[in-house]
Amino acid sequence: MLGSLNAAPSLILHSVLVSTMEKVTRAFIALFLVSVMPTISILFTYSWSESELQGQIFFVFAKLWYILIPVYWIYRIEESRLMFGETNYNGMAESLISGIIMFVVIAVIFLLFGETIDVELMKLEIGATGLLNLPLFIVGMIYWITINSLVEELVFRQFIGDRLLEITEREYITVFFSAAIFTCHHTVLLSLYFDPWQNALASLGIFIAGVTWSVLWLRHRSLFVCWLSHAIADLAVFGIAYLILF
């Protein structure tokens, strides 16, 4: 009888450890499945596939992949919801200020280094997407600024960020790796258009933006706060793209 009582705490501890390990393993698998897909999508579309149609089909597949898995995970596995969050003064202020700072920095960098951009190469690479057609570009710009930026906040902050926090239990590690994963596919994409030093500069900016939005997410648990800052920054990016292409 005494032996059974002594064994009970050990069994409970073992059960907790096993449950924690299973949870972490499951989170790591989900993290891997989602985090690699944006980069694979770009590599397939621009490098691996020789068919424009195949590239477009895979792009849509990849987009659905890394949206639906996080949504399923959040609602069915976590039994939670998309955290749009209640806006408050601090969250709104931090969102607006960070977004405006990014807007200004992007604009200043363009003014300083814009003449070094190979416009013809950019037009050649973008031409296959149809985005040199002004109406299509405007539609795409509206989509990327409004919808795609929100999707990225859902994927890279609420889903990937929370999985990293679940695995590491360290906010600074979560912020660093969430930003690094966010930067990765952008770096691959930018390598098609820019020289290595330009890509390095742009990637550093994207990493800092990812850090900022990850911090905002951990502070406010609000996709809206992250999205507003992100959308303002994207407004500068696509405004510059318009000036370059048209």
C-alpha atoms as a PDB file:
ATOM      1  CA  MET A   1       0.000   0.000   0.000  1.00  0.00           C
ATOM      2  CA  LEU A   2       2.784   2.436   0.954  1.00  0.00           C
ATOM      3  CA  GLY A   3       4.682   1.529  -2.201  1.00  0.00           C
ATOM      4  CA  SER A   4       1.649   2.376  -4.302  1.00  0.00           C
ATOM      5  CA  LEU A   5       1.322   5.756  -2.590  1.00  0.00           C
ATOM      6  CA  ASN A   6       4.997   6.489  -3.183  1.00  0.00           C
ATOM      7  CA  ALA A   7       4.687   5.523  -6.833  1.00  0.00           C
ATOM      8  CA  ALA A   8       1.691   7.776  -7.485  1.00  0.00           C
ATOM      9  CA  PRO A   9       3.653  11.071  -7.744  1.00  0.00           C
ATOM     10  CA  SER A  10       6.126   9.410 -10.123  1.00  0.00           C
ATOM     11  CA  LEU A  11       3.316   8.178 -12.342  1.00  0.00           C
ATOM     12  CA  ILE A  12       1.719  11.622 -12.379  1.00  0.00           C
ATOM     13  CA  LEU A  13       5.063  13.269 -13.238  1.00  0.00           C
ATOM     14  CA  HIS A  14       5.680  10.720 -15.973  1.00  0.00           C
ATOM     15  CA  SER A  15       2.222  11.326 -17.408  1.00  0.00           C
ATOM     16  CA  VAL A  16       2.763  15.094 -17.409  1.00  0.00           C
ATOM     17  CA  LEU A  17       6.158  14.752 -19.089  1.00  0.00           C
ATOM     18  CA  VAL A  18       4.800  12.434 -21.771  1.00  0.00           C
ATOM     19  CA  SER A  19       1.859  14.761 -22.404  1.00  0.00           C
ATOM     20  CA  THR A  20       4.186  17.767 -22.649  1.00  0.00           C
ATOM     21  CA  MET A  21       6.534  15.968 -25.038  1.00  0.00           C
ATOM     22  CA  GLU A  22       3.631  14.934 -27.245  1.00  0.00           C
ATOM     23  CA  LYS A  23       2.322  18.501 -27.272  1.00  0.00           C
ATOM     24  CA  VAL A  24       5.734  19.926 -28.175  1.00  0.00           C
ATOM     25  CA  THR A  25       6.301  17.301 -30.884  1.00  0.00           C
ATOM     26  CA  ARG A  26       2.905  17.996 -32.391  1.00  0.00           C
ATOM     27  CA  ALA A  27       3.554  21.747 -32.298  1.00  0.00           C
ATOM     28  CA  PHE A  28       6.957  21.278 -33.959  1.00  0.00           C
ATOM     29  CA  ILE A  29       5.457  19.222 -36.792  1.00  0.00           C
ATOM     30  CA  ALA A  30       2.747  21.829 -37.390  1.00  0.00           C
ATOM     31  CA  LEU A  31       5.360  24.582 -37.269  1.00  0.00           C
ATOM     32  CA  PHE A  32       7.523  22.817 -39.840  1.00  0.00           C
ATOM     33  CA  LEU A  33       4.642  22.065 -42.214  1.00  0.00           C
ATOM     34  CA  VAL A  34       3.570  25.708 -42.327  1.00  0.00           C
ATOM     35  CA  SER A  35       6.868  27.590 -42.054  1.00  0.00           C
ATOM     36  CA  VAL A  36       8.567  25.964 -45.064  1.00  0.00           C
ATOM     37  CA  MET A  37       5.653  26.294 -47.497  1.00  0.00           C
ATOM     38  CA  PRO A  38       6.010  30.011 -48.433  1.00  0.00           C
ATOM     39  CA  THR A  39       9.647  29.454 -49.426  1.00  0.00           C
ATOM     40  CA  ILE A  40       8.832  26.247 -51.312  1.00  0.00           C
ATOM     41  CA  SER A  41       6.052  28.090 -53.144  1.00  0.00           C
ATOM     42  CA  ILE A  42       8.435  30.793 -54.374  1.00  0.00           C
ATOM     43  CA  LEU A  43      11.135  28.304 -55.371  1.00  0.00           C
ATOM     44  CA  PHE A  44       8.632  26.149 -57.270  1.00  0.00           C
ATOM     45  CA  THR A  45       6.959  29.086 -59.012  1.00  0.00           C
ATOM     46  CA  TYR A  46      10.125  30.920 -60.053  1.00  0.00           C
ATOM     47  CA  SER A  47      12.837  28.245 -60.238  1.00  0.00           C
ATOM     48  CA  TRP A  48      11.640  24.658 -60.271  1.00  0.00           C
ATOM     49  CA  SER A  49       8.624  24.810 -62.584  1.00  0.00           C
ATOM     50  CA  GLU A  50       9.004  25.546 -66.285  1.00  0.00           C
ATOM     51  CA  SER A  51       5.243  25.962 -66.699  1.00  0.00           C
ATOM     52  CA  GLU A  52       3.585  29.247 -65.759  1.00  0.00           C
ATOM     53  CA  LEU A  53       0.268  27.424 -65.248  1.00  0.00           C
ATOM     54  CA  GLN A  54       1.855  24.877 -62.908  1.00  0.00           C
ATOM     55  CA  GLY A  55       3.455  27.711 -60.969  1.00  0.00           C
ATOM     56  CA  GLN A  56       0.133  29.497 -60.572  1.00  0.00           C
ATOM     57  CA  ILE A  57      -1.649  26.316 -59.494  1.00  0.00           C
ATOM     58  CA  PHE A  58       1.019  25.517 -56.932  1.00  0.00           C
ATOM     59  CA  PHE A  59       0.960  29.116 -55.674  1.00  0.00           C
ATOM     60  CA  VAL A  60      -2.776  28.794 -54.941  1.00  0.00           C
ATOM     61  CA  PHE A  61      -2.244  25.361 -53.354  1.00  0.00           C
ATOM     62  CA  ALA A  62       0.552  26.684 -51.141  1.00  0.00           C
ATOM     63  CA  LYS A  63      -1.517  29.693 -50.097  1.00  0.00           C
ATOM     64  CA  LEU A  64      -4.421  27.449 -49.063  1.00  0.00           C
ATOM     65  CA  TRP A  65      -1.972  25.100 -47.308  1.00  0.00           C
ATOM     66  CA  TYR A  66      -0.478  27.707 -45.013  1.00  0.00           C
ATOM     67  CA  ILE A  67      -3.818  29.367 -44.316  1.00  0.00           C
ATOM     68  CA  LEU A  68      -5.985  26.312 -43.682  1.00  0.00           C
ATOM     69  CA  ILE A  69      -3.530  24.438 -41.447  1.00  0.00           C
ATOM     70  CA  PRO A  70      -3.218  27.361 -38.969  1.00  0.00           C
ATOM     71  CA  VAL A  71      -6.987  27.970 -39.011  1.00  0.00           C
ATOM     72  CA  TYR A  72      -7.684  24.269 -38.417  1.00  0.00           C
ATOM     73  CA  TRP A  73      -5.080  24.136 -35.666  1.00  0.00           C
ATOM     74  CA  ILE A  74      -6.377  27.226 -33.889  1.00  0.00           C
ATOM     75  CA  TYR A  75     -10.033  26.207 -33.977  1.00  0.00           C
ATOM     76  CA  ARG A  76      -9.823  22.411 -33.653  1.00  0.00           C
ATOM     77  CA  ILE A  77      -6.555  21.622 -31.859  1.00  0.00           C
ATOM     78  CA  GLU A  78      -6.312  24.664 -29.592  1.00  0.00           C
ATOM     79  CA  GLU A  79     -10.094  25.128 -29.505  1.00  0.00           C
ATOM     80  CA  SER A  80      -9.391  28.852 -29.690  1.00  0.00           C
ATOM     81  CA  ARG A  81     -10.156  31.527 -32.293  1.00  0.00           C
ATOM     82  CA  LEU A  82      -8.502  34.136 -34.480  1.00  0.00           C
ATOM     83  CA  MET A  83      -7.356  36.839 -32.085  1.00  0.00           C
ATOM     84  CA  PHE A  84      -8.320  40.089 -33.770  1.00  0.00           C
ATOM     85  CA  GLY A  85      -8.244  41.633 -30.327  1.00  0.00           C
ATOM     86  CA  GLU A  86      -9.888  44.594 -28.715  1.00  0.00           C
ATOM     87  CA  THR A  87      -8.141  47.797 -29.727  1.00  0.00           C
ATOM     88  CA  ASN A  88      -6.973  50.111 -26.977  1.00  0.00           C
ATOM     89  CA  TYR A  89      -5.077  53.375 -26.972  1.00  0.00           C
ATOM     90  CA  ASN A  90      -1.652  51.825 -26.353  1.00  0.00           C
ATOM     91  CA  GLY A  91      -2.075  49.135 -28.980  1.00  0.00           C
ATOM     92  CA  MET A  92      -3.389  51.548 -31.584  1.00  0.00           C
ATOM     93  CA  ALA A  93      -0.646  54.084 -30.843  1.00  0.00           C
ATOM     94  CA  GLU A  94       2.136  51.494 -31.069  1.00  0.00           C
ATOM     95  CA  SER A  95       0.652  50.117 -34.273  1.00  0.00           C
ATOM     96  CA  LEU A  96       0.367  53.489 -35.971  1.00  0.00           C
ATOM     97  CA  ILE A  97       3.748  54.763 -34.792  1.00  0.00           C
ATOM     98  CA  SER A  98       5.627  51.608 -35.812  1.00  0.00           C
ATOM     99  CA  GLY A  99       3.873  51.518 -39.195  1.00  0.00           C
ATOM    100  CA  ILE A 100       4.597  55.190 -39.907  1.00  0.00           C
ATOM    101  CA  ILE A 101       8.249  54.783 -38.891  1.00  0.00           C
ATOM    102  CA  MET A 102       8.589  51.832 -41.278  1.00  0.00           C
ATOM    103  CA  PHE A 103       6.869  53.829 -44.033  1.00  0.00           C
ATOM    104  CA  VAL A 104       9.320  56.697 -43.611  1.00  0.00           C
ATOM    105  CA  VAL A 105      12.380  54.420 -43.417  1.00  0.00           C
ATOM    106  CA  ILE A 106      11.346  52.553 -46.585  1.00  0.00           C
ATOM    107  CA  ALA A 107      10.787  55.849 -48.398  1.00  0.00           C
ATOM    108  CA  VAL A 108      14.162  57.246 -47.290  1.00  0.00           C
ATOM    109  CA  ILE A 109      16.020  54.081 -48.332  1.00  0.00           C
ATOM    110  CA  PHE A 110      14.351  54.263 -51.736  1.00  0.00           C
ATOM    111  CA  LEU A 111      15.397  57.899 -52.125  1.00  0.00           C
ATOM    112  CA  LEU A 112      18.980  56.983 -51.216  1.00  0.00           C
ATOM    113  CA  PHE A 113      19.371  53.784 -53.232  1.00  0.00           C
ATOM    114  CA  GLY A 114      16.514  53.778 -55.733  1.00  0.00           C
ATOM    115  CA  GLU A 115      18.795  54.606 -58.657  1.00  0.00           C
ATOM    116  CA  THR A 116      20.742  51.377 -58.097  1.00  0.00           C
ATOM    117  CA  ILE A 117      17.688  49.203 -58.836  1.00  0.00           C
ATOM    118  CA  ASP A 118      17.800  47.320 -62.133  1.00  0.00           C
ATOM    119  CA  VAL A 119      14.355  48.344 -63.375  1.00  0.00           C
ATOM    120  CA  GLU A 120      14.553  46.323 -66.602  1.00  0.00           C
ATOM    121  CA  LEU A 121      15.376  43.127 -64.707  1.00  0.00           C
ATOM    122  CA  MET A 122      12.501  43.772 -62.316  1.00  0.00           C
ATOM    123  CA  LYS A 123      10.090  44.341 -65.186  1.00  0.00           C
ATOM    124  CA  LEU A 124      11.333  41.173 -66.908  1.00  0.00           C
ATOM    125  CA  GLU A 125      10.754  39.039 -63.799  1.00  0.00           C
ATOM    126  CA  ILE A 126       7.406  40.627 -62.928  1.00  0.00           C
ATOM    127  CA  GLY A 127       6.150  40.557 -66.513  1.00  0.00           C
ATOM    128  CA  ALA A 128       5.321  36.855 -66.329  1.00  0.00           C
ATOM    129  CA  THR A 129       2.919  37.533 -63.442  1.00  0.00           C
ATOM    130  CA  GLY A 130       0.865  40.035 -65.417  1.00  0.00           C
ATOM    131  CA  LEU A 131       1.449  42.761 -62.851  1.00  0.00           C
ATOM    132  CA  LEU A 132       2.789  45.175 -65.462  1.00  0.00           C
ATOM    133  CA  ASN A 133      -0.845  45.633 -66.408  1.00  0.00           C
ATOM    134  CA  LEU A 134      -1.868  48.671 -64.346  1.00  0.00           C
ATOM    135  CA  PRO A 135      -5.431  47.588 -63.404  1.00  0.00           C
ATOM    136  CA  LEU A 136      -4.139  44.151 -62.374  1.00  0.00           C
ATOM    137  CA  PHE A 137      -1.309  45.764 -60.411  1.00  0.00           C
ATOM    138  CA  ILE A 138      -3.781  47.963 -58.531  1.00  0.00           C
ATOM    139  CA  VAL A 139      -5.961  44.958 -57.695  1.00  0.00           C
ATOM    140  CA  GLY A 140      -2.884  43.059 -56.530  1.00  0.00           C
ATOM    141  CA  MET A 141      -1.682  46.025 -54.494  1.00  0.00           C
ATOM    142  CA  ILE A 142      -5.036  46.295 -52.705  1.00  0.00           C
ATOM    143  CA  TYR A 143      -4.994  42.547 -52.028  1.00  0.00           C
ATOM    144  CA  TRP A 144      -1.433  42.512 -50.642  1.00  0.00           C
ATOM    145  CA  ILE A 145      -1.890  45.582 -48.486  1.00  0.00           C
ATOM    146  CA  THR A 146      -5.233  44.551 -47.005  1.00  0.00           C
ATOM    147  CA  ILE A 147      -5.757  40.790 -47.160  1.00  0.00           C
ATOM    148  CA  ASN A 148      -2.290  39.279 -47.584  1.00  0.00           C
ATOM    149  CA  SER A 149      -0.829  41.343 -44.740  1.00  0.00           C
ATOM    150  CA  LEU A 150      -3.576  40.049 -42.445  1.00  0.00           C
ATOM    151  CA  VAL A 151      -2.938  36.466 -43.591  1.00  0.00           C
ATOM    152  CA  GLU A 152       0.768  36.877 -42.838  1.00  0.00           C
ATOM    153  CA  GLU A 153      -0.002  38.169 -39.351  1.00  0.00           C
ATOM    154  CA  LEU A 154      -2.263  35.181 -38.713  1.00  0.00           C
ATOM    155  CA  VAL A 155       0.337  32.721 -40.002  1.00  0.00           C
ATOM    156  CA  PHE A 156       3.591  34.220 -38.729  1.00  0.00           C
ATOM    157  CA  ARG A 157       2.432  35.801 -35.484  1.00  0.00           C
ATOM    158  CA  GLN A 158      -0.565  33.931 -34.067  1.00  0.00           C
ATOM    159  CA  PHE A 159       0.260  30.490 -35.453  1.00  0.00           C
ATOM    160  CA  ILE A 160       4.036  30.304 -35.886  1.00  0.00           C
ATOM    161  CA  GLY A 161       4.753  32.692 -33.017  1.00  0.00           C
ATOM    162  CA  ASP A 162       2.537  30.792 -30.606  1.00  0.00           C
ATOM    163  CA  ARG A 163       3.970  27.421 -31.688  1.00  0.00           C
ATOM    164  CA  LEU A 164       7.482  28.732 -31.067  1.00  0.00           C
ATOM    165  CA  LEU A 165       6.440  30.038 -27.663  1.00  0.00           C
ATOM    166  CA  GLU A 166       4.833  26.685 -26.906  1.00  0.00           C
ATOM    167  CA  ILE A 167       8.047  24.865 -27.831  1.00  0.00           C
ATOM    168  CA  THR A 168      10.665  27.211 -26.364  1.00  0.00           C
ATOM    169  CA  GLU A 169       8.722  28.971 -23.567  1.00  0.00           C
ATOM    170  CA  ARG A 170      10.972  31.997 -24.183  1.00  0.00           C
ATOM    171  CA  GLU A 171       9.580  35.182 -25.671  1.00  0.00           C
ATOM    172  CA  TYR A 172      12.915  36.480 -27.008  1.00  0.00           C
ATOM    173  CA  ILE A 173      13.527  33.179 -28.826  1.00  0.00           C
ATOM    174  CA  THR A 174       9.993  33.298 -30.188  1.00  0.00           C
ATOM    175  CA  VAL A 175      10.481  36.842 -31.480  1.00  0.00           C
ATOM    176  CA  PHE A 176      13.825  36.052 -33.142  1.00  0.00           C
ATOM    177  CA  PHE A 177      12.791  32.847 -34.900  1.00  0.00           C
ATOM    178  CA  SER A 178       9.347  34.096 -35.869  1.00  0.00           C
ATOM    179  CA  ALA A 179      10.999  37.083 -37.564  1.00  0.00           C
ATOM    180  CA  ALA A 180      13.650  34.849 -39.159  1.00  0.00           C
ATOM    181  CA  ILE A 181      11.035  32.484 -40.613  1.00  0.00           C
ATOM    182  CA  PHE A 182       9.037  35.478 -41.843  1.00  0.00           C
ATOM    183  CA  THR A 183      12.131  36.909 -43.532  1.00  0.00           C
ATOM    184  CA  CYS A 184      13.228  33.693 -45.244  1.00  0.00           C
ATOM    185  CA  HIS A 185      10.770  33.535 -48.139  1.00  0.00           C
ATOM    186  CA  HIS A 186      11.019  37.280 -48.695  1.00  0.00           C
ATOM    187  CA  THR A 187      14.791  36.955 -49.053  1.00  0.00           C
ATOM    188  CA  VAL A 188      14.387  34.181 -51.632  1.00  0.00           C
ATOM    189  CA  LEU A 189      11.895  36.275 -53.578  1.00  0.00           C
ATOM    190  CA  LEU A 190      13.985  39.455 -53.440  1.00  0.00           C
ATOM    191  CA  SER A 191      17.013  37.583 -54.766  1.00  0.00           C
ATOM    192  CA  LEU A 192      15.217  37.477 -58.132  1.00  0.00           C
ATOM    193  CA  TYR A 193      15.118  41.254 -58.389  1.00  0.00           C
ATOM    194  CA  PHE A 194      18.019  42.700 -56.419  1.00  0.00           C
ATOM    195  CA  ASP A 195      21.783  42.461 -56.092  1.00  0.00           C
ATOM    196  CA  PRO A 196      23.028  40.602 -52.993  1.00  0.00           C
ATOM    197  CA  TRP A 197      23.776  43.803 -51.058  1.00  0.00           C
ATOM    198  CA  GLN A 198      20.352  45.222 -51.879  1.00  0.00           C
ATOM    199  CA  ASN A 199      18.725  41.943 -50.856  1.00  0.00           C
ATOM    200  CA  ALA A 200      20.706  41.920 -47.596  1.00  0.00           C
ATOM    201  CA  LEU A 201      19.580  45.477 -46.790  1.00  0.00           C
ATOM    202  CA  ALA A 202      15.950  44.749 -47.625  1.00  0.00           C
ATOM    203  CA  SER A 203      16.022  41.452 -45.703  1.00  0.00           C
ATOM    204  CA  LEU A 204      17.401  43.216 -42.636  1.00  0.00           C
ATOM    205  CA  GLY A 205      14.512  45.645 -42.828  1.00  0.00           C
ATOM    206  CA  ILE A 206      12.011  42.801 -43.175  1.00  0.00           C
ATOM    207  CA  PHE A 207      13.575  41.021 -40.196  1.00  0.00           C
ATOM    208  CA  ILE A 208      13.299  44.165 -38.044  1.00  0.00           C
ATOM    209  CA  ALA A 209       9.676  44.548 -39.152  1.00  0.00           C
ATOM    210  CA  GLY A 210       9.044  40.898 -38.220  1.00  0.00           C
ATOM    211  CA  VAL A 211      10.577  41.491 -34.794  1.00  0.00           C
ATOM    212  CA  THR A 212       8.376  44.551 -34.318  1.00  0.00           C
ATOM    213  CA  TRP A 213       5.174  42.735 -35.244  1.00  0.00           C
ATOM    214  CA  SER A 214       6.095  39.742 -33.103  1.00  0.00           C
ATOM    215  CA  VAL A 215       6.615  42.026 -30.113  1.00  0.00           C
ATOM    216  CA  LEU A 216       3.281  43.739 -30.818  1.00  0.00           C
ATOM    217  CA  TRP A 217       1.607  40.331 -30.960  1.00  0.00           C
ATOM    218  CA  LEU A 218       3.051  39.200 -27.643  1.00  0.00           C
ATOM    219  CA  ARG A 219       2.175  42.524 -26.011  1.00  0.00           C
ATOM    220  CA  HIS A 220      -1.388  42.894 -27.262  1.00  0.00           C
ATOM    221  CA  ARG A 221      -2.494  39.481 -28.594  1.00  0.00           C
ATOM    222  CA  SER A 222      -4.236  41.363 -31.387  1.00  0.00           C
ATOM    223  CA  LEU A 223      -3.986  40.592 -35.096  1.00  0.00           C
ATOM    224  CA  PHE A 224      -5.501  43.996 -35.804  1.00  0.00           C
ATOM    225  CA  VAL A 225      -2.667  45.815 -34.023  1.00  0.00           C
ATOM    226  CA  CYS A 226      -0.064  43.856 -35.994  1.00  0.00           C
ATOM    227  CA  TRP A 227      -1.994  44.105 -39.262  1.00  0.00           C
ATOM    228  CA  LEU A 228      -2.414  47.903 -39.178  1.00  0.00           C
ATOM    229  CA  SER A 229       1.336  48.435 -38.757  1.00  0.00           C
ATOM    230  CA  HIS A 230       2.034  45.851 -41.469  1.00  0.00           C
ATOM    231  CA  ALA A 231      -0.466  47.419 -43.891  1.00  0.00           C
ATOM    232  CA  ILE A 232       1.084  50.889 -43.493  1.00  0.00           C
ATOM    233  CA  ALA A 233       4.538  49.474 -44.258  1.00  0.00           C
ATOM    234  CA  ASP A 234       3.192  47.588 -47.293  1.00  0.00           C
ATOM    235  CA  LEU A 235       1.616  50.812 -48.522  1.00  0.00           C
ATOM    236  CA  ALA A 236       5.127  52.259 -48.838  1.00  0.00           C
ATOM    237  CA  VAL A 237       6.459  49.113 -50.537  1.00  0.00           C
ATOM    238  CA  PHE A 238       3.759  48.994 -53.203  1.00  0.00           C
ATOM    239  CA  GLY A 239       3.780  52.744 -53.648  1.00  0.00           C
ATOM    240  CA  ILE A 240       7.467  52.483 -54.523  1.00  0.00           C
ATOM    241  CA  ALA A 241       6.763  49.485 -56.777  1.00  0.00           C
ATOM    242  CA  TYR A 242       4.259  51.636 -58.660  1.00  0.00           C
ATOM    243  CA  LEU A 243       6.808  54.431 -59.115  1.00  0.00           C
ATOM    244  CA  ILE A 244       9.390  51.940 -60.419  1.00  0.00           C
ATOM    245  CA  LEU A 245       7.146  49.990 -62.762  1.00  0.00           C
ATOM    246  CA  PHE A 246       4.922  52.725 -64.139  1.00  0.00           C
END
